[in-house]
Amino acid sequence: MCIIGAYAINSSVFDVLIMAIFGLIGFVMRRKGYSVAPMVLGIVLGSLMDANFRRAVSLASAGDNLIISMFSRPISLILIAFILISLFSNFKFVKTGVRKLFSRGSDKGQEE
């Protein structure tokens, strides 16, 4: 069914080969214990993200400074903060610091 669906989209054998390659990659990832969902999201949303990033760069280049015009908006700053939090949350020193911070907060509530 997957081969028929891949071929039916563009009537191209190349699409069937791409489907087989990514199916093999997904099989190997599952065997090795990796999550397949991030790869699927990357494949599905990659072209959409690329098109919108190009649109954002072209709109921002109309201003004076490309970097300032792209990253000075509040929504951009919020998204950057979420990205940094998700990246640094996996470090061991951050995890232990957060545990200590929350354990101190729960100790204060018990003392009162």
N, C-alpha and C. Protein backbone atom coordinates (compact mmCIF):
# COMPACT_ATOMS: atom_id res chain seq x y z
N MET A 1 0.82 -1.20 0.00
CA MET A 1 0.00 0.00 0.00
C MET A 1 0.87 1.26 0.00
N CYS A 2 1.97 1.21 0.74
CA CYS A 2 2.85 2.38 0.78
C CYS A 2 3.50 2.62 -0.57
N ILE A 3 3.89 1.55 -1.25
CA ILE A 3 4.51 1.69 -2.57
C ILE A 3 3.51 2.27 -3.55
N ILE A 4 2.28 1.80 -3.52
CA ILE A 4 1.25 2.33 -4.42
C ILE A 4 0.99 3.80 -4.13
N GLY A 5 0.90 4.14 -2.84
CA GLY A 5 0.66 5.54 -2.47
C GLY A 5 1.81 6.46 -2.85
N ALA A 6 3.04 6.00 -2.65
CA ALA A 6 4.20 6.81 -3.02
C ALA A 6 4.29 7.00 -4.52
N TYR A 7 3.95 5.96 -5.28
CA TYR A 7 4.01 6.07 -6.73
C TYR A 7 2.86 6.92 -7.26
N ALA A 8 1.69 6.84 -6.63
CA ALA A 8 0.51 7.53 -7.13
C ALA A 8 0.60 9.05 -7.01
N ILE A 9 1.40 9.55 -6.09
CA ILE A 9 1.47 11.01 -5.89
C ILE A 9 2.03 11.70 -7.12
N ASN A 10 3.18 11.28 -7.62
CA ASN A 10 3.83 11.94 -8.76
C ASN A 10 4.10 10.99 -9.93
N SER A 11 3.66 9.77 -9.86
CA SER A 11 3.95 8.75 -10.86
C SER A 11 5.45 8.65 -11.12
N SER A 12 6.20 8.57 -10.02
CA SER A 12 7.65 8.57 -10.11
C SER A 12 8.23 7.43 -9.26
N VAL A 13 9.17 6.71 -9.86
CA VAL A 13 9.84 5.65 -9.13
C VAL A 13 10.78 6.24 -8.08
N PHE A 14 11.26 7.47 -8.32
CA PHE A 14 12.12 8.14 -7.36
C PHE A 14 11.42 8.29 -6.01
N ASP A 15 10.12 8.61 -6.02
CA ASP A 15 9.37 8.72 -4.76
C ASP A 15 9.30 7.39 -4.04
N VAL A 16 9.19 6.31 -4.79
CA VAL A 16 9.16 4.98 -4.17
C VAL A 16 10.52 4.67 -3.54
N LEU A 17 11.61 5.04 -4.21
CA LEU A 17 12.95 4.82 -3.65
C LEU A 17 13.15 5.65 -2.38
N ILE A 18 12.71 6.89 -2.38
CA ILE A 18 12.81 7.74 -1.19
C ILE A 18 12.00 7.13 -0.05
N MET A 19 10.81 6.63 -0.36
CA MET A 19 9.98 5.99 0.65
C MET A 19 10.70 4.77 1.23
N ALA A 20 11.33 3.98 0.39
CA ALA A 20 12.03 2.79 0.85
C ALA A 20 13.24 3.15 1.70
N ILE A 21 13.98 4.18 1.30
CA ILE A 21 15.15 4.60 2.07
C ILE A 21 14.74 5.09 3.45
N PHE A 22 13.73 5.95 3.51
CA PHE A 22 13.30 6.45 4.82
C PHE A 22 12.62 5.37 5.65
N GLY A 23 11.99 4.39 5.00
CA GLY A 23 11.45 3.25 5.73
C GLY A 23 12.55 2.43 6.37
N LEU A 24 13.64 2.23 5.63
CA LEU A 24 14.79 1.52 6.17
C LEU A 24 15.44 2.28 7.32
N ILE A 25 15.57 3.60 7.16
CA ILE A 25 16.13 4.42 8.23
C ILE A 25 15.25 4.34 9.48
N GLY A 26 13.93 4.40 9.29
CA GLY A 26 13.01 4.29 10.42
C GLY A 26 13.09 2.93 11.10
N PHE A 27 13.25 1.87 10.31
CA PHE A 27 13.40 0.52 10.86
C PHE A 27 14.66 0.41 11.72
N VAL A 28 15.77 0.95 11.20
CA VAL A 28 17.04 0.91 11.94
C VAL A 28 16.93 1.75 13.22
N MET A 29 16.28 2.91 13.10
CA MET A 29 16.13 3.75 14.29
C MET A 29 15.32 3.04 15.37
N ARG A 30 14.27 2.35 14.96
CA ARG A 30 13.46 1.62 15.95
C ARG A 30 14.24 0.48 16.59
N ARG A 31 15.03 -0.22 15.79
CA ARG A 31 15.83 -1.33 16.33
C ARG A 31 16.87 -0.84 17.32
N LYS A 32 17.42 0.34 17.07
CA LYS A 32 18.44 0.92 17.95
C LYS A 32 17.85 1.67 19.14
N GLY A 33 16.53 1.81 19.20
CA GLY A 33 15.89 2.44 20.34
C GLY A 33 15.69 3.95 20.22
N TYR A 34 15.88 4.50 19.02
CA TYR A 34 15.64 5.93 18.82
C TYR A 34 14.17 6.19 18.54
N SER A 35 13.73 7.38 18.88
CA SER A 35 12.36 7.77 18.60
C SER A 35 12.23 8.15 17.13
N VAL A 36 11.22 7.65 16.48
CA VAL A 36 11.01 7.91 15.06
C VAL A 36 10.22 9.20 14.84
N ALA A 37 9.47 9.64 15.83
CA ALA A 37 8.60 10.81 15.69
C ALA A 37 9.34 12.08 15.29
N PRO A 38 10.51 12.41 15.87
CA PRO A 38 11.20 13.62 15.42
C PRO A 38 11.61 13.58 13.95
N MET A 39 11.99 12.40 13.46
CA MET A 39 12.35 12.30 12.05
C MET A 39 11.12 12.51 11.17
N VAL A 40 10.00 11.94 11.55
CA VAL A 40 8.77 12.11 10.77
C VAL A 40 8.36 13.58 10.76
N LEU A 41 8.44 14.24 11.91
CA LEU A 41 8.12 15.67 11.96
C LEU A 41 9.06 16.49 11.09
N GLY A 42 10.33 16.13 11.10
CA GLY A 42 11.29 16.85 10.27
C GLY A 42 11.02 16.68 8.79
N ILE A 43 10.63 15.48 8.38
CA ILE A 43 10.33 15.23 6.97
C ILE A 43 9.07 15.97 6.56
N VAL A 44 8.04 15.91 7.39
CA VAL A 44 6.76 16.51 7.04
C VAL A 44 6.82 18.03 7.10
N LEU A 45 7.41 18.57 8.16
CA LEU A 45 7.40 20.01 8.36
C LEU A 45 8.61 20.74 7.80
N GLY A 46 9.61 20.01 7.33
CA GLY A 46 10.84 20.64 6.86
C GLY A 46 10.63 21.62 5.72
N SER A 47 9.90 21.22 4.69
CA SER A 47 9.69 22.11 3.55
C SER A 47 8.83 23.31 3.93
N LEU A 48 7.85 23.09 4.80
CA LEU A 48 7.01 24.20 5.25
C LEU A 48 7.82 25.20 6.06
N MET A 49 8.69 24.70 6.95
CA MET A 49 9.54 25.59 7.73
C MET A 49 10.52 26.34 6.85
N ASP A 50 11.07 25.68 5.85
CA ASP A 50 12.02 26.32 4.95
C ASP A 50 11.35 27.46 4.18
N ALA A 51 10.16 27.21 3.65
CA ALA A 51 9.45 28.25 2.90
C ALA A 51 9.12 29.44 3.77
N ASN A 52 8.66 29.19 5.00
CA ASN A 52 8.31 30.31 5.89
C ASN A 52 9.55 31.03 6.40
N PHE A 53 10.66 30.32 6.57
CA PHE A 53 11.90 30.99 6.96
C PHE A 53 12.39 31.90 5.85
N ARG A 54 12.30 31.43 4.61
CA ARG A 54 12.68 32.28 3.47
C ARG A 54 11.80 33.51 3.40
N ARG A 55 10.51 33.34 3.65
CA ARG A 55 9.58 34.48 3.65
C ARG A 55 9.94 35.47 4.76
N ALA A 56 10.27 34.96 5.93
CA ALA A 56 10.63 35.84 7.05
C ALA A 56 11.91 36.60 6.77
N VAL A 57 12.89 35.94 6.15
CA VAL A 57 14.15 36.62 5.83
C VAL A 57 13.91 37.69 4.78
N SER A 58 13.08 37.40 3.79
CA SER A 58 12.83 38.41 2.75
C SER A 58 12.05 39.60 3.31
N LEU A 59 11.14 39.36 4.25
CA LEU A 59 10.41 40.47 4.87
C LEU A 59 11.32 41.27 5.80
N ALA A 60 12.20 40.57 6.50
CA ALA A 60 13.09 41.26 7.44
C ALA A 60 14.19 42.01 6.73
N SER A 61 14.57 41.57 5.53
CA SER A 61 15.65 42.25 4.83
C SER A 61 15.22 43.60 4.29
N ALA A 62 13.93 43.88 4.31
CA ALA A 62 13.45 45.20 3.88
C ALA A 62 13.84 46.27 4.90
N GLY A 63 14.09 45.89 6.15
CA GLY A 63 14.49 46.83 7.19
C GLY A 63 15.97 47.13 7.14
N ASP A 64 16.44 47.87 8.13
CA ASP A 64 17.84 48.27 8.17
C ASP A 64 18.76 47.10 8.52
N ASN A 65 18.47 46.43 9.63
CA ASN A 65 19.34 45.36 10.10
C ASN A 65 18.54 44.06 10.14
N LEU A 66 19.03 43.04 9.45
CA LEU A 66 18.31 41.77 9.35
C LEU A 66 18.15 41.09 10.70
N ILE A 67 19.22 41.03 11.48
CA ILE A 67 19.19 40.32 12.77
C ILE A 67 18.26 41.01 13.75
N ILE A 68 18.38 42.32 13.86
CA ILE A 68 17.54 43.05 14.81
C ILE A 68 16.07 42.97 14.42
N SER A 69 15.77 43.07 13.14
CA SER A 69 14.37 43.04 12.73
C SER A 69 13.75 41.65 12.89
N MET A 70 14.58 40.59 12.82
CA MET A 70 14.02 39.24 12.98
C MET A 70 13.87 38.84 14.44
N PHE A 71 14.77 39.29 15.30
CA PHE A 71 14.78 38.79 16.67
C PHE A 71 14.38 39.83 17.71
N SER A 72 13.83 40.94 17.31
CA SER A 72 13.43 41.95 18.29
C SER A 72 11.94 41.90 18.60
N ARG A 73 11.19 41.09 17.92
CA ARG A 73 9.76 40.96 18.18
C ARG A 73 9.53 40.11 19.43
N PRO A 74 8.47 40.39 20.18
CA PRO A 74 8.21 39.62 21.42
C PRO A 74 8.01 38.12 21.17
N ILE A 75 7.31 37.75 20.10
CA ILE A 75 7.08 36.33 19.86
C ILE A 75 8.39 35.62 19.53
N SER A 76 9.30 36.31 18.84
CA SER A 76 10.61 35.72 18.55
C SER A 76 11.40 35.49 19.82
N LEU A 77 11.36 36.45 20.72
CA LEU A 77 12.08 36.32 21.99
C LEU A 77 11.51 35.19 22.84
N ILE A 78 10.19 35.05 22.83
CA ILE A 78 9.55 33.96 23.59
C ILE A 78 9.95 32.60 23.01
N LEU A 79 9.94 32.48 21.69
CA LEU A 79 10.33 31.22 21.06
C LEU A 79 11.79 30.90 21.30
N ILE A 80 12.66 31.91 21.27
CA ILE A 80 14.08 31.70 21.56
C ILE A 80 14.26 31.24 23.00
N ALA A 81 13.50 31.83 23.92
CA ALA A 81 13.58 31.41 25.32
C ALA A 81 13.16 29.95 25.48
N PHE A 82 12.07 29.54 24.81
CA PHE A 82 11.63 28.14 24.88
C PHE A 82 12.67 27.20 24.28
N ILE A 83 13.29 27.61 23.19
CA ILE A 83 14.33 26.78 22.58
C ILE A 83 15.51 26.60 23.52
N LEU A 84 15.95 27.70 24.14
CA LEU A 84 17.08 27.61 25.07
C LEU A 84 16.75 26.77 26.29
N ILE A 85 15.53 26.92 26.80
CA ILE A 85 15.11 26.11 27.95
C ILE A 85 15.11 24.63 27.59
N SER A 86 14.57 24.30 26.42
CA SER A 86 14.53 22.88 26.04
C SER A 86 15.93 22.32 25.76
N LEU A 87 16.84 23.15 25.25
CA LEU A 87 18.20 22.68 25.01
C LEU A 87 18.97 22.48 26.31
N PHE A 88 18.88 23.44 27.21
CA PHE A 88 19.67 23.37 28.44
C PHE A 88 19.04 22.52 29.53
N SER A 89 17.77 22.14 29.37
CA SER A 89 17.12 21.34 30.41
C SER A 89 17.67 19.93 30.50
N ASN A 90 18.40 19.49 29.51
CA ASN A 90 18.95 18.13 29.54
C ASN A 90 20.32 18.06 30.20
N PHE A 91 20.91 19.19 30.54
CA PHE A 91 22.21 19.17 31.21
C PHE A 91 22.03 18.79 32.67
N LYS A 92 22.98 18.02 33.19
CA LYS A 92 22.86 17.49 34.54
C LYS A 92 22.87 18.60 35.59
N PHE A 93 23.73 19.62 35.41
CA PHE A 93 23.79 20.68 36.42
C PHE A 93 22.51 21.50 36.46
N VAL A 94 21.80 21.59 35.34
CA VAL A 94 20.52 22.31 35.34
C VAL A 94 19.46 21.48 36.06
N LYS A 95 19.46 20.18 35.81
CA LYS A 95 18.48 19.31 36.47
C LYS A 95 18.66 19.33 37.99
N THR A 96 19.91 19.24 38.45
CA THR A 96 20.14 19.24 39.90
C THR A 96 19.81 20.61 40.50
N GLY A 97 20.09 21.68 39.78
CA GLY A 97 19.75 23.01 40.28
C GLY A 97 18.24 23.21 40.40
N VAL A 98 17.49 22.71 39.43
CA VAL A 98 16.04 22.82 39.49
C VAL A 98 15.49 21.98 40.62
N ARG A 99 16.04 20.78 40.82
CA ARG A 99 15.58 19.94 41.93
C ARG A 99 15.83 20.61 43.27
N LYS A 100 17.03 21.22 43.42
CA LYS A 100 17.34 21.91 44.68
C LYS A 100 16.41 23.10 44.88
N LEU A 101 16.12 23.83 43.81
CA LEU A 101 15.25 25.00 43.90
C LEU A 101 13.85 24.60 44.34
N PHE A 102 13.31 23.53 43.74
CA PHE A 102 11.96 23.10 44.10
C PHE A 102 11.92 22.40 45.44
N SER A 103 13.00 21.74 45.84
CA SER A 103 13.00 21.09 47.15
C SER A 103 13.07 22.14 48.25
N ARG A 104 13.77 23.26 48.01
CA ARG A 104 13.80 24.35 48.99
C ARG A 104 12.43 24.98 49.13
N GLY A 105 11.72 25.12 48.01
CA GLY A 105 10.38 25.71 48.05
C GLY A 105 9.40 24.84 48.81
N SER A 106 9.52 23.51 48.67
CA SER A 106 8.61 22.63 49.37
C SER A 106 8.98 22.54 50.86
N ASP A 107 10.26 22.75 51.22
CA ASP A 107 10.67 22.75 52.61
C ASP A 107 10.10 23.97 53.33
N LYS A 108 10.07 25.10 52.69
CA LYS A 108 9.51 26.31 53.30
C LYS A 108 8.03 26.16 53.58
N GLY A 109 7.31 25.51 52.66
CA GLY A 109 5.88 25.31 52.86
C GLY A 109 5.61 24.39 54.03
N GLN A 110 6.49 23.42 54.32
CA GLN A 110 6.29 22.49 55.42
C GLN A 110 6.65 23.13 56.76
N GLU A 111 7.58 24.10 56.76
CA GLU A 111 7.98 24.74 58.01
C GLU A 111 6.90 25.65 58.56
N GLU A 112 6.13 26.26 57.67
CA GLU A 112 5.11 27.21 58.10
C GLU A 112 3.91 26.50 58.53
